[in-house]
Amino acid sequence: QVQLVESGGGLVQPGGSLRLSCAASGSIFSFSMDWYRQAPGKEREWVAGITDSGTPTYAVTVQGRFTISRDNAKNTVFLQMNSLKPEETAVYYCKIPGGPWGQGTQVTVSA
C-alpha cells in the first residue's frame, strides 16, 4: 500500500501563500489524489482533487485561490495555496481514494 507524507505547512500571515507537498512511497500515476483539511473542532473536509490524467477539481471555498498539481515522475502531489485566510488554519492531508490517512501537515494562518 502506498504511504503518503505531507509537508510544507507552517505559519503564514493572512493573505499569504504556502505550497504543500505530498510525497508517495510508490508510484501514483494510476491514482487520483485528494487534499483534505481538518480545522480544530471541525470535521475533515475535502479541499481539492486531481485525476490520474491531471484534471483538477476544487471546493467552492478555495476555487481561484488554490491550485492542485502532480508530478508523477516524482510521485508527488502539490497544493499551492494563495490568499490564505485565518479560518483555513487546519491540518492538511493528502489521500489516495480508499487509502490510509497520513500524518498531515499543520497550516496556521495568523497575524
C-alpha atoms as a PDB file:
ATOM      1  CA  GLN A   1       0.000   0.000   0.000  1.00  0.00           C
ATOM      2  CA  VAL A   2       1.337   3.410  -0.961  1.00  0.00           C
ATOM      3  CA  GLN A   3       2.214   5.600   2.015  1.00  0.00           C
ATOM      4  CA  LEU A   4       1.910   9.373   1.822  1.00  0.00           C
ATOM      5  CA  VAL A   5       3.889  12.041   3.661  1.00  0.00           C
ATOM      6  CA  GLU A   6       2.677  15.620   3.682  1.00  0.00           C
ATOM      7  CA  SER A   7       4.994  18.587   4.159  1.00  0.00           C
ATOM      8  CA  GLY A   8       5.231  22.318   3.586  1.00  0.00           C
ATOM      9  CA  GLY A   9       2.928  23.561   6.281  1.00  0.00           C
ATOM     10  CA  GLY A  10       3.781  26.377   8.634  1.00  0.00           C
ATOM     11  CA  LEU A  11       2.774  29.766   9.944  1.00  0.00           C
ATOM     12  CA  VAL A  12       1.695  32.339   7.398  1.00  0.00           C
ATOM     13  CA  GLN A  13       0.038  35.723   7.646  1.00  0.00           C
ATOM     14  CA  PRO A  14      -3.460  36.283   6.266  1.00  0.00           C
ATOM     15  CA  GLY A  15      -3.228  36.834   2.547  1.00  0.00           C
ATOM     16  CA  GLY A  16      -0.030  34.838   2.336  1.00  0.00           C
ATOM     17  CA  SER A  17       0.842  31.692   0.412  1.00  0.00           C
ATOM     18  CA  LEU A  18       2.100  28.206   1.092  1.00  0.00           C
ATOM     19  CA  ARG A  19       2.887  25.249  -1.109  1.00  0.00           C
ATOM     20  CA  LEU A  20       2.164  21.848   0.335  1.00  0.00           C
ATOM     21  CA  SER A  21       3.743  18.654  -0.932  1.00  0.00           C
ATOM     22  CA  CYS A  22       2.580  15.069  -0.667  1.00  0.00           C
ATOM     23  CA  ALA A  23       5.299  12.518  -1.322  1.00  0.00           C
ATOM     24  CA  ALA A  24       4.288   8.939  -2.042  1.00  0.00           C
ATOM     25  CA  SER A  25       6.303   5.831  -1.262  1.00  0.00           C
ATOM     26  CA  GLY A  26       5.401   4.317  -4.616  1.00  0.00           C
ATOM     27  CA  SER A  27       4.001   5.125  -7.990  1.00  0.00           C
ATOM     28  CA  ILE A  28       0.892   7.261  -8.065  1.00  0.00           C
ATOM     29  CA  PHE A  29       0.445   7.631 -11.819  1.00  0.00           C
ATOM     30  CA  SER A  30      -2.693   5.500 -11.914  1.00  0.00           C
ATOM     31  CA  PHE A  31      -4.353   7.111  -8.914  1.00  0.00           C
ATOM     32  CA  SER A  32      -6.476  10.163  -8.449  1.00  0.00           C
ATOM     33  CA  MET A  33      -5.341  12.179  -5.434  1.00  0.00           C
ATOM     34  CA  ASP A  34      -7.143  14.429  -2.993  1.00  0.00           C
ATOM     35  CA  TRP A  35      -6.300  17.066  -0.412  1.00  0.00           C
ATOM     36  CA  TYR A  36      -8.391  17.411   2.738  1.00  0.00           C
ATOM     37  CA  ARG A  37      -8.155  19.598   5.805  1.00  0.00           C
ATOM     38  CA  GLN A  38      -9.377  19.448   9.374  1.00  0.00           C
ATOM     39  CA  ALA A  39      -9.689  22.571  11.457  1.00  0.00           C
ATOM     40  CA  PRO A  40      -9.766  22.418  15.253  1.00  0.00           C
ATOM     41  CA  GLY A  41     -13.151  21.203  16.455  1.00  0.00           C
ATOM     42  CA  LYS A  42     -14.445  20.641  12.934  1.00  0.00           C
ATOM     43  CA  GLU A  43     -14.932  17.677  10.658  1.00  0.00           C
ATOM     44  CA  ARG A  44     -12.428  16.862   7.984  1.00  0.00           C
ATOM     45  CA  GLU A  45     -13.368  18.450   4.658  1.00  0.00           C
ATOM     46  CA  TRP A  46     -12.364  17.860   1.085  1.00  0.00           C
ATOM     47  CA  VAL A  47     -10.353  20.690  -0.459  1.00  0.00           C
ATOM     48  CA  ALA A  48      -9.221  19.643  -3.916  1.00  0.00           C
ATOM     49  CA  GLY A  49      -8.660  16.626  -6.113  1.00  0.00           C
ATOM     50  CA  ILE A  50      -6.769  15.716  -9.235  1.00  0.00           C
ATOM     51  CA  THR A  51      -7.458  12.792 -11.544  1.00  0.00           C
ATOM     52  CA  ASP A  52      -4.798  10.412 -12.813  1.00  0.00           C
ATOM     53  CA  SER A  53      -4.812  12.382 -16.075  1.00  0.00           C
ATOM     54  CA  GLY A  54      -4.329  15.704 -14.268  1.00  0.00           C
ATOM     55  CA  THR A  55      -7.827  17.190 -14.227  1.00  0.00           C
ATOM     56  CA  PRO A  56      -8.298  19.273 -11.075  1.00  0.00           C
ATOM     57  CA  THR A  57     -11.431  19.948  -9.032  1.00  0.00           C
ATOM     58  CA  TYR A  58     -11.857  22.280  -6.080  1.00  0.00           C
ATOM     59  CA  ALA A  59     -14.143  23.008  -3.196  1.00  0.00           C
ATOM     60  CA  VAL A  60     -16.059  26.219  -3.787  1.00  0.00           C
ATOM     61  CA  THR A  61     -14.361  27.824  -0.799  1.00  0.00           C
ATOM     62  CA  VAL A  62     -10.897  27.550  -2.354  1.00  0.00           C
ATOM     63  CA  GLN A  63     -11.704  27.873  -6.052  1.00  0.00           C
ATOM     64  CA  GLY A  64      -9.493  30.504  -7.647  1.00  0.00           C
ATOM     65  CA  ARG A  65      -7.014  30.606  -4.771  1.00  0.00           C
ATOM     66  CA  PHE A  66      -5.704  27.035  -4.517  1.00  0.00           C
ATOM     67  CA  THR A  67      -4.060  25.009  -7.253  1.00  0.00           C
ATOM     68  CA  ILE A  68      -3.541  21.264  -7.120  1.00  0.00           C
ATOM     69  CA  SER A  69      -0.933  19.668  -9.342  1.00  0.00           C
ATOM     70  CA  ARG A  70       1.028  16.461  -9.635  1.00  0.00           C
ATOM     71  CA  ASP A  71       4.436  15.250 -10.750  1.00  0.00           C
ATOM     72  CA  ASN A  72       4.116  11.549 -11.447  1.00  0.00           C
ATOM     73  CA  ALA A  73       7.837  11.220 -12.152  1.00  0.00           C
ATOM     74  CA  LYS A  74       8.496  12.296  -8.566  1.00  0.00           C
ATOM     75  CA  ASN A  75       5.430  10.559  -7.097  1.00  0.00           C
ATOM     76  CA  THR A  76       4.402  13.881  -5.594  1.00  0.00           C
ATOM     77  CA  VAL A  77       1.242  15.950  -5.443  1.00  0.00           C
ATOM     78  CA  PHE A  78       1.222  19.639  -4.608  1.00  0.00           C
ATOM     79  CA  LEU A  79      -1.243  22.148  -3.270  1.00  0.00           C
ATOM     80  CA  GLN A  80      -0.414  25.788  -3.916  1.00  0.00           C
ATOM     81  CA  MET A  81      -2.452  27.933  -1.550  1.00  0.00           C
ATOM     82  CA  ASN A  82      -2.738  31.679  -2.093  1.00  0.00           C
ATOM     83  CA  SER A  83      -4.658  34.423  -0.303  1.00  0.00           C
ATOM     84  CA  LEU A  84      -4.914  32.310   2.807  1.00  0.00           C
ATOM     85  CA  LYS A  85      -7.481  33.159   5.459  1.00  0.00           C
ATOM     86  CA  PRO A  86      -7.333  32.630   9.227  1.00  0.00           C
ATOM     87  CA  GLU A  87     -10.267  30.221   9.044  1.00  0.00           C
ATOM     88  CA  GLU A  88      -8.144  27.977   6.833  1.00  0.00           C
ATOM     89  CA  THR A  89      -5.948  27.111   9.762  1.00  0.00           C
ATOM     90  CA  ALA A  90      -6.043  23.331   9.810  1.00  0.00           C
ATOM     91  CA  VAL A  91      -4.123  20.128   9.400  1.00  0.00           C
ATOM     92  CA  TYR A  92      -3.920  19.355   5.707  1.00  0.00           C
ATOM     93  CA  TYR A  93      -3.866  15.787   4.426  1.00  0.00           C
ATOM     94  CA  CYS A  94      -3.424  14.168   1.060  1.00  0.00           C
ATOM     95  CA  LYS A  95      -5.041  10.877   0.278  1.00  0.00           C
ATOM     96  CA  ILE A  96      -5.491   8.238  -2.375  1.00  0.00           C
ATOM     97  CA  PRO A  97      -9.192   7.266  -2.519  1.00  0.00           C
ATOM     98  CA  GLY A  98      -9.600   4.176  -0.358  1.00  0.00           C
ATOM     99  CA  GLY A  99      -6.101   4.511   1.037  1.00  0.00           C
ATOM    100  CA  PRO A 100      -4.880   5.331   4.546  1.00  0.00           C
ATOM    101  CA  TRP A 101      -4.606   8.781   6.059  1.00  0.00           C
ATOM    102  CA  GLY A 102      -1.162  10.241   6.597  1.00  0.00           C
ATOM    103  CA  GLN A 103       0.013  12.397   9.479  1.00  0.00           C
ATOM    104  CA  GLY A 104      -0.858  15.643   7.743  1.00  0.00           C
ATOM    105  CA  THR A 105       0.894  18.988   7.848  1.00  0.00           C
ATOM    106  CA  GLN A 106      -0.187  21.897  10.028  1.00  0.00           C
ATOM    107  CA  VAL A 107      -1.088  25.190   8.370  1.00  0.00           C
ATOM    108  CA  THR A 108      -1.612  28.169  10.643  1.00  0.00           C
ATOM    109  CA  VAL A 109      -2.859  31.434   9.195  1.00  0.00           C
ATOM    110  CA  SER A 110      -2.412  34.203  11.717  1.00  0.00           C
ATOM    111  CA  ALA A 111      -1.072  37.701  12.067  1.00  0.00           C
END
